[in-house]
Amino acid sequence: MTEQPALAGLHIVLDPGHNGGNAAAAAEMAQQVDAGRGSRKPCNTVGTSTAGGYPEHAFAWDVAQRARGLLEAAGAAVTLTRDDDAGIGPCVDVRGRSAQEHDADLLVSLHADGSENPDVAGYFAIVSDPPLNHTQGVPSRQLATALLDALGRAGFRPSSSYPEALSERADLATLNLAERPAVMLELAEMRNPAEAAVAESSDGRQRYAEAVVAGLEQWAAERR
């Protein structure tokens, strides 16, 4: 009997943070949208960049493209929240609702952090807290744990800014509006010189993509 691919039957939404056209669309980006919990936030932002000018939106897009190829090879269906790295948006409320609107199993939002302190380093995950529905509770935390474990196994450094590299926030529409397990990953600190060098390299982005996929494979295996 032929063994099924590791992620057969799984539908994943990957959300590459920001977009390449956001900087030139200030008015559109400033429009207020639903952020959950009765709050509103700007549609989207430009994101951060390395000291050398490599932007977060390009990093997130490249990692997402690499991860999509690996995920599809492992049997998963993959939906991206944007089609390229030259457009604008989509707004954070659209991103947050994307998993349930595409009838997907989960949402992983890919980002890189931009601490002003260049000594800050390490990856971390963010979950919505307090949870607004069942999936934002234990299921999202289980997904975060699997992704964080895989990043650690891949040799990346966990953030020292958050216990167990997990941040809990109530203000992110991408997480607040999700009705499927949802995690935001801050894969690198763009202003840390060592991590910026990894993020700027093709090999480094491939390693990040492989770690994300390994985390999703771990999560899927734990659900069986």
N, C-alpha and C. Protein backbone atom coordinates (compact mmCIF):
# COMPACT_ATOMS: atom_id res chain seq x y z
N MET A 1 0.85 -1.19 0.00
CA MET A 1 0.00 0.00 0.00
C MET A 1 0.89 1.24 0.00
N THR A 2 0.62 2.16 -0.93
CA THR A 2 1.43 3.37 -1.03
C THR A 2 1.12 4.33 0.12
N GLU A 3 2.15 4.81 0.78
CA GLU A 3 1.96 5.75 1.88
C GLU A 3 1.61 7.13 1.33
N GLN A 4 0.63 7.79 1.95
CA GLN A 4 0.24 9.13 1.53
C GLN A 4 1.30 10.15 1.90
N PRO A 5 1.42 11.22 1.13
CA PRO A 5 2.32 12.31 1.52
C PRO A 5 1.98 12.82 2.91
N ALA A 6 2.98 13.38 3.59
CA ALA A 6 2.83 13.77 5.00
C ALA A 6 1.68 14.74 5.24
N LEU A 7 1.41 15.60 4.28
CA LEU A 7 0.39 16.64 4.49
C LEU A 7 -0.82 16.46 3.58
N ALA A 8 -1.03 15.26 3.10
CA ALA A 8 -2.16 14.99 2.21
C ALA A 8 -3.47 15.38 2.87
N GLY A 9 -4.30 16.13 2.15
CA GLY A 9 -5.60 16.53 2.64
C GLY A 9 -5.62 17.80 3.45
N LEU A 10 -4.45 18.38 3.73
CA LEU A 10 -4.38 19.59 4.54
C LEU A 10 -4.42 20.82 3.63
N HIS A 11 -5.22 21.81 3.99
CA HIS A 11 -5.31 23.07 3.26
C HIS A 11 -4.76 24.18 4.15
N ILE A 12 -3.69 24.81 3.71
CA ILE A 12 -2.96 25.79 4.50
C ILE A 12 -3.04 27.16 3.83
N VAL A 13 -3.35 28.19 4.62
CA VAL A 13 -3.23 29.56 4.13
C VAL A 13 -1.92 30.13 4.66
N LEU A 14 -1.06 30.56 3.74
CA LEU A 14 0.16 31.27 4.09
C LEU A 14 -0.07 32.76 3.82
N ASP A 15 0.26 33.56 4.79
CA ASP A 15 0.04 35.00 4.71
C ASP A 15 1.39 35.73 4.73
N PRO A 16 1.98 36.02 3.55
CA PRO A 16 3.22 36.77 3.54
C PRO A 16 2.96 38.23 3.95
N GLY A 17 3.56 38.66 5.03
CA GLY A 17 3.26 39.97 5.58
C GLY A 17 3.53 41.12 4.62
N HIS A 18 2.66 42.17 4.73
CA HIS A 18 2.85 43.43 4.00
C HIS A 18 2.73 43.22 2.48
N ASN A 19 3.31 44.12 1.69
CA ASN A 19 3.29 43.99 0.23
C ASN A 19 4.19 45.08 -0.34
N GLY A 20 4.73 44.83 -1.52
CA GLY A 20 5.71 45.74 -2.10
C GLY A 20 5.18 47.09 -2.50
N GLY A 21 3.87 47.19 -2.76
CA GLY A 21 3.30 48.47 -3.16
C GLY A 21 2.73 49.30 -2.03
N ASN A 22 2.81 48.79 -0.81
CA ASN A 22 2.19 49.51 0.32
C ASN A 22 2.78 50.90 0.54
N ALA A 23 4.08 51.05 0.34
CA ALA A 23 4.72 52.33 0.62
C ALA A 23 4.21 53.44 -0.28
N ALA A 24 3.78 53.10 -1.49
CA ALA A 24 3.29 54.09 -2.44
C ALA A 24 1.78 54.26 -2.36
N ALA A 25 1.15 53.64 -1.40
CA ALA A 25 -0.31 53.67 -1.29
C ALA A 25 -0.71 54.10 0.12
N ALA A 26 -0.17 55.23 0.55
CA ALA A 26 -0.36 55.68 1.93
C ALA A 26 -1.84 55.87 2.27
N ALA A 27 -2.60 56.44 1.36
CA ALA A 27 -4.02 56.70 1.66
C ALA A 27 -4.78 55.40 1.84
N GLU A 28 -4.55 54.43 0.95
CA GLU A 28 -5.22 53.15 1.07
C GLU A 28 -4.81 52.43 2.34
N MET A 29 -3.54 52.48 2.68
CA MET A 29 -3.05 51.79 3.86
C MET A 29 -3.57 52.42 5.15
N ALA A 30 -3.90 53.69 5.12
CA ALA A 30 -4.37 54.39 6.32
C ALA A 30 -5.84 54.16 6.61
N GLN A 31 -6.58 53.61 5.67
CA GLN A 31 -8.00 53.35 5.88
C GLN A 31 -8.19 52.39 7.06
N GLN A 32 -9.15 52.71 7.92
CA GLN A 32 -9.39 51.91 9.11
C GLN A 32 -10.27 50.70 8.79
N VAL A 33 -9.88 49.54 9.32
CA VAL A 33 -10.63 48.31 9.11
C VAL A 33 -10.86 47.62 10.45
N ASP A 34 -11.75 46.65 10.44
CA ASP A 34 -12.05 45.88 11.64
C ASP A 34 -10.82 45.11 12.11
N ALA A 35 -10.49 45.26 13.38
CA ALA A 35 -9.35 44.53 13.94
C ALA A 35 -9.79 43.53 15.00
N GLY A 36 -11.10 43.36 15.17
CA GLY A 36 -11.59 42.46 16.20
C GLY A 36 -11.65 43.13 17.56
N ARG A 37 -12.41 42.55 18.46
CA ARG A 37 -12.55 43.06 19.83
C ARG A 37 -13.13 44.47 19.87
N GLY A 38 -13.87 44.85 18.82
CA GLY A 38 -14.47 46.17 18.78
C GLY A 38 -13.51 47.29 18.39
N SER A 39 -12.32 46.93 17.95
CA SER A 39 -11.31 47.94 17.61
C SER A 39 -11.13 48.04 16.10
N ARG A 40 -10.45 49.09 15.67
CA ARG A 40 -10.13 49.29 14.26
C ARG A 40 -8.66 49.66 14.13
N LYS A 41 -8.07 49.29 12.99
CA LYS A 41 -6.66 49.56 12.74
C LYS A 41 -6.48 49.95 11.28
N PRO A 42 -5.33 50.56 10.94
CA PRO A 42 -5.06 50.84 9.53
C PRO A 42 -5.05 49.55 8.71
N CYS A 43 -5.42 49.68 7.44
CA CYS A 43 -5.50 48.54 6.53
C CYS A 43 -4.25 47.68 6.56
N ASN A 44 -3.08 48.30 6.46
CA ASN A 44 -1.83 47.56 6.43
C ASN A 44 -0.69 48.54 6.62
N THR A 45 0.52 48.04 6.67
CA THR A 45 1.70 48.88 6.86
C THR A 45 2.79 48.48 5.87
N VAL A 46 3.85 49.25 5.87
CA VAL A 46 4.97 48.98 4.97
C VAL A 46 5.82 47.82 5.46
N GLY A 47 5.91 47.65 6.77
CA GLY A 47 6.81 46.65 7.33
C GLY A 47 8.17 47.22 7.61
N THR A 48 9.08 46.40 8.04
CA THR A 48 10.42 46.84 8.39
C THR A 48 11.40 46.46 7.28
N SER A 49 12.69 46.65 7.55
CA SER A 49 13.73 46.28 6.59
C SER A 49 15.04 46.13 7.34
N THR A 50 16.01 45.50 6.69
CA THR A 50 17.34 45.42 7.27
C THR A 50 18.05 46.77 7.13
N ALA A 51 19.15 46.92 7.82
CA ALA A 51 19.94 48.15 7.69
C ALA A 51 20.42 48.35 6.26
N GLY A 52 20.57 47.26 5.52
CA GLY A 52 20.99 47.33 4.13
C GLY A 52 19.86 47.59 3.16
N GLY A 53 18.62 47.71 3.69
CA GLY A 53 17.48 48.05 2.84
C GLY A 53 16.67 46.88 2.32
N TYR A 54 16.97 45.64 2.74
CA TYR A 54 16.18 44.49 2.29
C TYR A 54 14.87 44.49 3.06
N PRO A 55 13.72 44.57 2.35
CA PRO A 55 12.44 44.77 3.04
C PRO A 55 11.79 43.49 3.55
N GLU A 56 11.07 43.66 4.62
CA GLU A 56 10.32 42.54 5.20
C GLU A 56 9.35 41.93 4.21
N HIS A 57 8.67 42.78 3.41
CA HIS A 57 7.68 42.23 2.49
C HIS A 57 8.32 41.28 1.47
N ALA A 58 9.54 41.60 1.03
CA ALA A 58 10.23 40.72 0.07
C ALA A 58 10.67 39.43 0.75
N PHE A 59 11.15 39.54 1.98
CA PHE A 59 11.55 38.37 2.75
C PHE A 59 10.36 37.43 2.94
N ALA A 60 9.24 37.98 3.41
CA ALA A 60 8.06 37.15 3.68
C ALA A 60 7.54 36.51 2.40
N TRP A 61 7.56 37.26 1.30
CA TRP A 61 7.07 36.72 0.03
C TRP A 61 7.95 35.56 -0.45
N ASP A 62 9.27 35.73 -0.34
CA ASP A 62 10.18 34.70 -0.81
C ASP A 62 10.06 33.43 0.04
N VAL A 63 10.00 33.60 1.36
CA VAL A 63 9.86 32.43 2.23
C VAL A 63 8.53 31.72 1.94
N ALA A 64 7.47 32.49 1.72
CA ALA A 64 6.18 31.89 1.43
C ALA A 64 6.20 31.10 0.13
N GLN A 65 6.86 31.65 -0.89
CA GLN A 65 6.96 30.94 -2.17
C GLN A 65 7.71 29.63 -2.01
N ARG A 66 8.80 29.67 -1.28
CA ARG A 66 9.58 28.46 -1.06
C ARG A 66 8.78 27.43 -0.25
N ALA A 67 8.11 27.91 0.80
CA ALA A 67 7.32 27.01 1.64
C ALA A 67 6.17 26.40 0.85
N ARG A 68 5.53 27.20 0.00
CA ARG A 68 4.42 26.67 -0.78
C ARG A 68 4.86 25.48 -1.64
N GLY A 69 5.99 25.62 -2.30
CA GLY A 69 6.47 24.52 -3.13
C GLY A 69 6.72 23.26 -2.32
N LEU A 70 7.32 23.41 -1.16
CA LEU A 70 7.59 22.26 -0.30
C LEU A 70 6.30 21.65 0.25
N LEU A 71 5.36 22.50 0.62
CA LEU A 71 4.10 22.02 1.17
C LEU A 71 3.30 21.26 0.12
N GLU A 72 3.26 21.80 -1.08
CA GLU A 72 2.53 21.12 -2.14
C GLU A 72 3.17 19.78 -2.48
N ALA A 73 4.50 19.72 -2.43
CA ALA A 73 5.19 18.46 -2.67
C ALA A 73 4.87 17.43 -1.59
N ALA A 74 4.52 17.93 -0.39
CA ALA A 74 4.16 17.03 0.72
C ALA A 74 2.66 16.74 0.74
N GLY A 75 1.93 17.19 -0.28
CA GLY A 75 0.52 16.82 -0.42
C GLY A 75 -0.48 17.85 0.02
N ALA A 76 -0.03 19.00 0.53
CA ALA A 76 -0.95 20.03 1.02
C ALA A 76 -1.47 20.89 -0.12
N ALA A 77 -2.66 21.45 0.08
CA ALA A 77 -3.15 22.53 -0.77
C ALA A 77 -2.77 23.83 -0.08
N VAL A 78 -2.31 24.81 -0.84
CA VAL A 78 -1.82 26.06 -0.27
C VAL A 78 -2.49 27.25 -0.94
N THR A 79 -2.98 28.17 -0.13
CA THR A 79 -3.52 29.44 -0.60
C THR A 79 -2.68 30.56 -0.02
N LEU A 80 -2.29 31.51 -0.85
CA LEU A 80 -1.57 32.69 -0.38
C LEU A 80 -2.53 33.86 -0.29
N THR A 81 -2.31 34.75 0.66
CA THR A 81 -3.19 35.90 0.82
C THR A 81 -2.88 37.02 -0.16
N ARG A 82 -1.77 36.93 -0.87
CA ARG A 82 -1.48 37.89 -1.94
C ARG A 82 -0.81 37.15 -3.09
N ASP A 83 -0.95 37.72 -4.29
CA ASP A 83 -0.52 37.04 -5.51
C ASP A 83 0.88 37.41 -5.97
N ASP A 84 1.44 38.49 -5.43
CA ASP A 84 2.76 38.93 -5.88
C ASP A 84 3.35 39.83 -4.81
N ASP A 85 4.50 40.42 -5.11
CA ASP A 85 5.14 41.33 -4.16
C ASP A 85 5.23 42.74 -4.74
N ALA A 86 4.27 43.07 -5.60
CA ALA A 86 4.28 44.40 -6.21
C ALA A 86 2.96 45.13 -6.01
N GLY A 87 1.99 44.48 -5.38
CA GLY A 87 0.68 45.09 -5.19
C GLY A 87 0.56 45.78 -3.85
N ILE A 88 -0.69 46.03 -3.45
CA ILE A 88 -0.96 46.63 -2.14
C ILE A 88 -1.88 45.70 -1.35
N GLY A 89 -1.75 45.77 0.00
CA GLY A 89 -2.62 44.95 0.84
C GLY A 89 -2.37 43.46 0.64
N PRO A 90 -3.39 42.63 0.87
CA PRO A 90 -4.72 43.02 1.33
C PRO A 90 -4.71 43.54 2.77
N CYS A 91 -5.83 44.15 3.15
CA CYS A 91 -5.92 44.68 4.51
C CYS A 91 -5.87 43.55 5.53
N VAL A 92 -5.54 43.92 6.75
CA VAL A 92 -5.35 42.91 7.79
C VAL A 92 -6.63 42.17 8.13
N ASP A 93 -7.79 42.80 7.94
CA ASP A 93 -9.03 42.07 8.22
C ASP A 93 -9.28 40.97 7.19
N VAL A 94 -8.92 41.24 5.94
CA VAL A 94 -9.04 40.22 4.89
C VAL A 94 -8.09 39.07 5.18
N ARG A 95 -6.89 39.40 5.58
CA ARG A 95 -5.92 38.36 5.91
C ARG A 95 -6.43 37.50 7.07
N GLY A 96 -6.99 38.14 8.09
CA GLY A 96 -7.45 37.42 9.26
C GLY A 96 -8.58 36.45 8.97
N ARG A 97 -9.45 36.82 8.04
CA ARG A 97 -10.60 35.97 7.72
C ARG A 97 -10.29 34.95 6.62
N SER A 98 -9.08 34.98 6.11
CA SER A 98 -8.78 34.20 4.90
C SER A 98 -8.92 32.70 5.09
N ALA A 99 -8.54 32.16 6.24
CA ALA A 99 -8.58 30.70 6.41
C ALA A 99 -10.00 30.17 6.34
N GLN A 100 -10.91 30.78 7.08
CA GLN A 100 -12.29 30.28 7.03
C GLN A 100 -12.95 30.60 5.70
N GLU A 101 -12.60 31.70 5.07
CA GLU A 101 -13.22 32.04 3.79
C GLU A 101 -12.76 31.11 2.67
N HIS A 102 -11.57 30.52 2.83
CA HIS A 102 -11.08 29.54 1.85
C HIS A 102 -11.31 28.11 2.34
N ASP A 103 -12.03 27.96 3.45
CA ASP A 103 -12.29 26.65 4.06
C ASP A 103 -10.99 25.89 4.27
N ALA A 104 -9.98 26.61 4.77
CA ALA A 104 -8.68 26.01 5.04
C ALA A 104 -8.60 25.49 6.48
N ASP A 105 -7.56 24.74 6.76
CA ASP A 105 -7.39 24.15 8.09
C ASP A 105 -6.67 25.06 9.06
N LEU A 106 -5.84 25.96 8.55
CA LEU A 106 -5.04 26.80 9.43
C LEU A 106 -4.48 27.99 8.66
N LEU A 107 -3.98 28.96 9.42
CA LEU A 107 -3.37 30.17 8.88
C LEU A 107 -2.02 30.38 9.54
N VAL A 108 -0.99 30.57 8.71
CA VAL A 108 0.33 30.95 9.21
C VAL A 108 0.73 32.26 8.53
N SER A 109 0.92 33.29 9.33
CA SER A 109 1.30 34.60 8.81
C SER A 109 2.80 34.79 9.00
N LEU A 110 3.50 35.06 7.91
CA LEU A 110 4.96 35.11 7.91
C LEU A 110 5.45 36.55 7.94
N HIS A 111 6.30 36.84 8.91
CA HIS A 111 6.82 38.19 9.10
C HIS A 111 8.28 38.13 9.56
N ALA A 112 8.87 39.32 9.69
CA ALA A 112 10.15 39.49 10.37
C ALA A 112 10.03 40.73 11.24
N ASP A 113 10.64 40.70 12.39
CA ASP A 113 10.48 41.79 13.35
C ASP A 113 11.50 42.90 13.08
N GLY A 114 11.20 44.08 13.61
CA GLY A 114 12.08 45.23 13.37
C GLY A 114 12.42 45.99 14.63
N SER A 115 12.91 45.29 15.64
CA SER A 115 13.30 45.97 16.88
C SER A 115 14.34 47.04 16.59
N GLU A 116 14.20 48.19 17.25
CA GLU A 116 15.17 49.27 17.06
C GLU A 116 16.51 48.94 17.70
N ASN A 117 16.53 47.98 18.61
CA ASN A 117 17.76 47.58 19.28
C ASN A 117 18.43 46.47 18.46
N PRO A 118 19.58 46.73 17.85
CA PRO A 118 20.21 45.71 17.00
C PRO A 118 20.73 44.50 17.76
N ASP A 119 20.76 44.58 19.09
CA ASP A 119 21.20 43.43 19.87
C ASP A 119 20.08 42.41 20.07
N VAL A 120 18.84 42.82 19.84
CA VAL A 120 17.71 41.90 19.98
C VAL A 120 17.75 40.91 18.83
N ALA A 121 17.57 39.64 19.15
CA ALA A 121 17.64 38.60 18.12
C ALA A 121 16.66 37.48 18.46
N GLY A 122 16.37 36.65 17.46
CA GLY A 122 15.60 35.45 17.70
C GLY A 122 14.19 35.48 17.15
N TYR A 123 13.72 34.30 16.78
CA TYR A 123 12.38 34.12 16.26
C TYR A 123 11.37 34.04 17.40
N PHE A 124 10.12 34.36 17.11
CA PHE A 124 9.04 34.13 18.06
C PHE A 124 7.72 34.02 17.31
N ALA A 125 6.74 33.45 18.00
CA ALA A 125 5.40 33.30 17.46
C ALA A 125 4.44 34.17 18.25
N ILE A 126 3.34 34.57 17.60
CA ILE A 126 2.32 35.37 18.27
C ILE A 126 0.98 34.66 18.12
N VAL A 127 0.23 34.61 19.21
CA VAL A 127 -1.13 34.09 19.19
C VAL A 127 -2.08 35.13 19.76
N SER A 128 -3.35 35.03 19.39
CA SER A 128 -4.37 35.94 19.90
C SER A 128 -4.71 35.55 21.33
N ASP A 129 -4.66 36.54 22.23
CA ASP A 129 -4.95 36.26 23.63
C ASP A 129 -5.55 37.50 24.29
N PRO A 130 -6.67 37.35 25.03
CA PRO A 130 -7.39 36.09 25.25
C PRO A 130 -8.10 35.65 23.97
N PRO A 131 -8.25 34.34 23.80
CA PRO A 131 -8.86 33.83 22.56
C PRO A 131 -10.31 34.26 22.44
N LEU A 132 -10.72 34.51 21.20
CA LEU A 132 -12.08 34.93 20.91
C LEU A 132 -12.96 33.77 20.45
N ASN A 133 -12.34 32.64 20.17
CA ASN A 133 -13.09 31.43 19.82
C ASN A 133 -12.21 30.23 20.16
N HIS A 134 -12.77 29.04 20.03
CA HIS A 134 -12.05 27.83 20.43
C HIS A 134 -10.72 27.67 19.70
N THR A 135 -10.71 27.94 18.40
CA THR A 135 -9.50 27.67 17.62
C THR A 135 -8.35 28.60 17.99
N GLN A 136 -8.66 29.76 18.54
CA GLN A 136 -7.60 30.68 18.95
C GLN A 136 -6.97 30.28 20.28
N GLY A 137 -7.55 29.29 20.94
CA GLY A 137 -7.02 28.82 22.21
C GLY A 137 -6.00 27.72 22.03
N VAL A 138 -6.29 26.53 22.54
CA VAL A 138 -5.35 25.41 22.50
C VAL A 138 -4.90 25.07 21.08
N PRO A 139 -5.79 25.00 20.08
CA PRO A 139 -5.32 24.65 18.73
C PRO A 139 -4.27 25.60 18.18
N SER A 140 -4.43 26.89 18.39
CA SER A 140 -3.43 27.84 17.89
C SER A 140 -2.12 27.72 18.66
N ARG A 141 -2.22 27.46 19.94
CA ARG A 141 -1.00 27.29 20.74
C ARG A 141 -0.26 26.01 20.36
N GLN A 142 -1.00 24.97 20.04
CA GLN A 142 -0.35 23.74 19.58
C GLN A 142 0.36 23.97 18.25
N LEU A 143 -0.27 24.73 17.37
CA LEU A 143 0.36 25.07 16.09
C LEU A 143 1.61 25.90 16.32
N ALA A 144 1.54 26.88 17.21
CA ALA A 144 2.70 27.71 17.52
C ALA A 144 3.85 26.88 18.07
N THR A 145 3.53 25.95 18.97
CA THR A 145 4.57 25.11 19.57
C THR A 145 5.27 24.27 18.51
N ALA A 146 4.51 23.70 17.59
CA ALA A 146 5.12 22.87 16.55
C ALA A 146 6.03 23.70 15.65
N LEU A 147 5.60 24.90 15.30
CA LEU A 147 6.43 25.77 14.45
C LEU A 147 7.68 26.24 15.18
N LEU A 148 7.54 26.59 16.45
CA LEU A 148 8.70 27.02 17.23
C LEU A 148 9.69 25.88 17.42
N ASP A 149 9.19 24.68 17.68
CA ASP A 149 10.06 23.52 17.83
C ASP A 149 10.88 23.31 16.55
N ALA A 150 10.23 23.42 15.41
CA ALA A 150 10.92 23.18 14.14
C ALA A 150 11.97 24.24 13.86
N LEU A 151 11.69 25.48 14.19
CA LEU A 151 12.69 26.53 14.00
C LEU A 151 13.91 26.28 14.89
N GLY A 152 13.67 25.81 16.09
CA GLY A 152 14.78 25.48 16.97
C GLY A 152 15.60 24.33 16.45
N ARG A 153 14.92 23.29 15.95
CA ARG A 153 15.64 22.14 15.40
C ARG A 153 16.46 22.54 14.17
N ALA A 154 16.01 23.55 13.45
CA ALA A 154 16.72 24.01 12.26
C ALA A 154 17.94 24.86 12.60
N GLY A 155 18.17 25.10 13.88
CA GLY A 155 19.35 25.83 14.29
C GLY A 155 19.17 27.31 14.47
N PHE A 156 17.92 27.80 14.37
CA PHE A 156 17.67 29.22 14.59
C PHE A 156 17.58 29.50 16.09
N ARG A 157 17.80 30.74 16.44
CA ARG A 157 17.84 31.15 17.85
C ARG A 157 16.47 31.67 18.28
N PRO A 158 15.91 31.12 19.38
CA PRO A 158 14.64 31.65 19.87
C PRO A 158 14.83 33.02 20.53
N SER A 159 13.80 33.82 20.47
CA SER A 159 13.85 35.14 21.08
C SER A 159 13.95 35.04 22.59
N SER A 160 14.72 35.92 23.16
CA SER A 160 14.80 36.01 24.63
C SER A 160 13.83 37.06 25.15
N SER A 161 13.10 37.71 24.25
CA SER A 161 12.17 38.77 24.67
C SER A 161 10.86 38.22 25.20
N TYR A 162 10.53 36.96 24.86
CA TYR A 162 9.26 36.37 25.26
C TYR A 162 9.50 34.98 25.83
N PRO A 163 8.87 34.65 26.96
CA PRO A 163 9.03 33.30 27.52
C PRO A 163 8.63 32.25 26.49
N GLU A 164 9.51 31.29 26.30
CA GLU A 164 9.29 30.21 25.34
C GLU A 164 9.05 30.73 23.93
N ALA A 165 9.54 31.93 23.63
CA ALA A 165 9.44 32.55 22.30
C ALA A 165 8.00 32.69 21.83
N LEU A 166 7.08 32.90 22.78
CA LEU A 166 5.66 33.02 22.44
C LEU A 166 5.12 34.35 22.97
N SER A 167 4.61 35.16 22.07
CA SER A 167 3.99 36.45 22.42
C SER A 167 2.48 36.32 22.36
N GLU A 168 1.80 36.89 23.32
CA GLU A 168 0.34 36.86 23.38
C GLU A 168 -0.17 38.29 23.20
N ARG A 169 -1.00 38.49 22.17
CA ARG A 169 -1.47 39.84 21.87
C ARG A 169 -2.96 39.85 21.57
N ALA A 170 -3.58 40.99 21.87
CA ALA A 170 -5.01 41.15 21.64
C ALA A 170 -5.30 42.14 20.53
N ASP A 171 -4.29 42.68 19.88
CA ASP A 171 -4.49 43.82 18.98
C ASP A 171 -4.24 43.52 17.51
N LEU A 172 -4.05 42.27 17.12
CA LEU A 172 -3.69 41.94 15.75
C LEU A 172 -4.90 41.36 15.01
N ALA A 173 -5.39 42.09 14.03
CA ALA A 173 -6.56 41.65 13.28
C ALA A 173 -6.32 40.32 12.59
N THR A 174 -5.11 40.09 12.09
CA THR A 174 -4.81 38.85 11.40
C THR A 174 -5.06 37.64 12.29
N LEU A 175 -4.89 37.80 13.59
CA LEU A 175 -5.15 36.70 14.52
C LEU A 175 -6.54 36.79 15.14
N ASN A 176 -6.98 37.99 15.47
CA ASN A 176 -8.29 38.15 16.13
C ASN A 176 -9.45 37.66 15.28
N LEU A 177 -9.35 37.83 13.96
CA LEU A 177 -10.47 37.52 13.08
C LEU A 177 -10.45 36.09 12.55
N ALA A 178 -9.43 35.33 12.92
CA ALA A 178 -9.30 33.96 12.44
C ALA A 178 -10.25 33.03 13.18
N GLU A 179 -10.87 32.12 12.43
CA GLU A 179 -11.73 31.09 13.00
C GLU A 179 -11.16 29.70 12.74
N ARG A 180 -9.88 29.67 12.44
CA ARG A 180 -9.10 28.45 12.32
C ARG A 180 -7.82 28.65 13.16
N PRO A 181 -7.10 27.59 13.52
CA PRO A 181 -5.83 27.80 14.21
C PRO A 181 -4.96 28.79 13.43
N ALA A 182 -4.45 29.80 14.11
CA ALA A 182 -3.72 30.88 13.43
C ALA A 182 -2.54 31.33 14.27
N VAL A 183 -1.40 31.47 13.61
CA VAL A 183 -0.16 31.88 14.27
C VAL A 183 0.54 32.89 13.37
N MET A 184 1.08 33.93 13.98
CA MET A 184 1.97 34.85 13.26
C MET A 184 3.40 34.52 13.68
N LEU A 185 4.27 34.31 12.70
CA LEU A 185 5.67 34.00 12.97
C LEU A 185 6.54 35.20 12.64
N GLU A 186 7.30 35.65 13.61
CA GLU A 186 8.35 36.65 13.39
C GLU A 186 9.65 35.86 13.26
N LEU A 187 10.04 35.59 12.03
CA LEU A 187 11.11 34.62 11.79
C LEU A 187 12.50 35.15 12.09
N ALA A 188 12.70 36.46 11.95
CA ALA A 188 14.04 37.03 12.12
C ALA A 188 13.92 38.44 12.64
N GLU A 189 14.97 38.92 13.27
CA GLU A 189 15.08 40.33 13.66
C GLU A 189 15.88 41.05 12.58
N MET A 190 15.18 41.85 11.79
CA MET A 190 15.80 42.45 10.61
C MET A 190 16.90 43.45 10.93
N ARG A 191 16.89 44.02 12.14
CA ARG A 191 17.92 45.01 12.49
C ARG A 191 19.11 44.40 13.22
N ASN A 192 19.03 43.09 13.49
CA ASN A 192 20.17 42.40 14.06
C ASN A 192 21.10 42.00 12.91
N PRO A 193 22.36 42.43 12.93
CA PRO A 193 23.22 42.19 11.77
C PRO A 193 23.34 40.73 11.37
N ALA A 194 23.49 39.83 12.33
CA ALA A 194 23.65 38.43 12.00
C ALA A 194 22.37 37.85 11.39
N GLU A 195 21.24 38.18 11.96
CA GLU A 195 19.99 37.64 11.44
C GLU A 195 19.61 38.30 10.12
N ALA A 196 19.97 39.57 9.96
CA ALA A 196 19.73 40.24 8.68
C ALA A 196 20.50 39.55 7.56
N ALA A 197 21.72 39.15 7.84
CA ALA A 197 22.53 38.47 6.83
C ALA A 197 21.89 37.15 6.40
N VAL A 198 21.31 36.44 7.36
CA VAL A 198 20.63 35.18 7.03
C VAL A 198 19.39 35.47 6.20
N ALA A 199 18.60 36.46 6.63
CA ALA A 199 17.37 36.80 5.92
C ALA A 199 17.64 37.28 4.50
N GLU A 200 18.74 37.95 4.30
CA GLU A 200 19.10 38.49 2.98
C GLU A 200 19.63 37.41 2.04
N SER A 201 19.97 36.25 2.57
CA SER A 201 20.58 35.21 1.74
C SER A 201 19.53 34.22 1.25
N SER A 202 19.72 33.73 0.03
CA SER A 202 18.81 32.72 -0.52
C SER A 202 18.83 31.46 0.33
N ASP A 203 20.01 31.04 0.77
CA ASP A 203 20.12 29.85 1.60
C ASP A 203 19.38 30.03 2.92
N GLY A 204 19.50 31.21 3.50
CA GLY A 204 18.82 31.49 4.75
C GLY A 204 17.32 31.42 4.61
N ARG A 205 16.79 32.00 3.55
CA ARG A 205 15.33 31.97 3.34
C ARG A 205 14.85 30.55 3.07
N GLN A 206 15.68 29.76 2.41
CA GLN A 206 15.32 28.36 2.20
C GLN A 206 15.25 27.62 3.53
N ARG A 207 16.19 27.89 4.41
CA ARG A 207 16.18 27.25 5.73
C ARG A 207 14.93 27.64 6.52
N TYR A 208 14.55 28.91 6.45
CA TYR A 208 13.33 29.33 7.13
C TYR A 208 12.12 28.60 6.56
N ALA A 209 12.03 28.52 5.24
CA ALA A 209 10.90 27.84 4.62
C ALA A 209 10.85 26.38 5.02
N GLU A 210 11.99 25.71 5.02
CA GLU A 210 12.02 24.30 5.40
C GLU A 210 11.60 24.10 6.84
N ALA A 211 11.98 25.04 7.71
CA ALA A 211 11.59 24.93 9.12
C ALA A 211 10.09 25.11 9.28
N VAL A 212 9.50 26.05 8.56
CA VAL A 212 8.05 26.24 8.62
C VAL A 212 7.33 24.97 8.18
N VAL A 213 7.78 24.37 7.11
CA VAL A 213 7.16 23.15 6.61
C VAL A 213 7.34 22.01 7.62
N ALA A 214 8.52 21.89 8.20
CA ALA A 214 8.74 20.84 9.21
C ALA A 214 7.81 21.03 10.40
N GLY A 215 7.57 22.28 10.79
CA GLY A 215 6.64 22.54 11.89
C GLY A 215 5.23 22.14 11.55
N LEU A 216 4.82 22.39 10.32
CA LEU A 216 3.48 21.99 9.90
C LEU A 216 3.35 20.48 9.79
N GLU A 217 4.41 19.82 9.37
CA GLU A 217 4.38 18.36 9.34
C GLU A 217 4.28 17.80 10.76
N GLN A 218 4.99 18.40 11.71
CA GLN A 218 4.90 17.97 13.10
C GLN A 218 3.48 18.17 13.62
N TRP A 219 2.90 19.33 13.34
CA TRP A 219 1.54 19.62 13.79
C TRP A 219 0.56 18.62 13.22
N ALA A 220 0.68 18.33 11.92
CA ALA A 220 -0.22 17.38 11.28
C ALA A 220 -0.07 15.99 11.88
N ALA A 221 1.17 15.58 12.14
CA ALA A 221 1.41 14.24 12.70
C ALA A 221 0.82 14.13 14.10
N GLU A 222 0.89 15.19 14.88
CA GLU A 222 0.37 15.17 16.25
C GLU A 222 -1.15 15.12 16.27
N ARG A 223 -1.79 15.51 15.19
CA ARG A 223 -3.26 15.49 15.12
C ARG A 223 -3.79 14.12 14.75
N ARG A 224 -2.93 13.26 14.21
CA ARG A 224 -3.40 11.95 13.77
C ARG A 224 -3.63 11.00 14.94
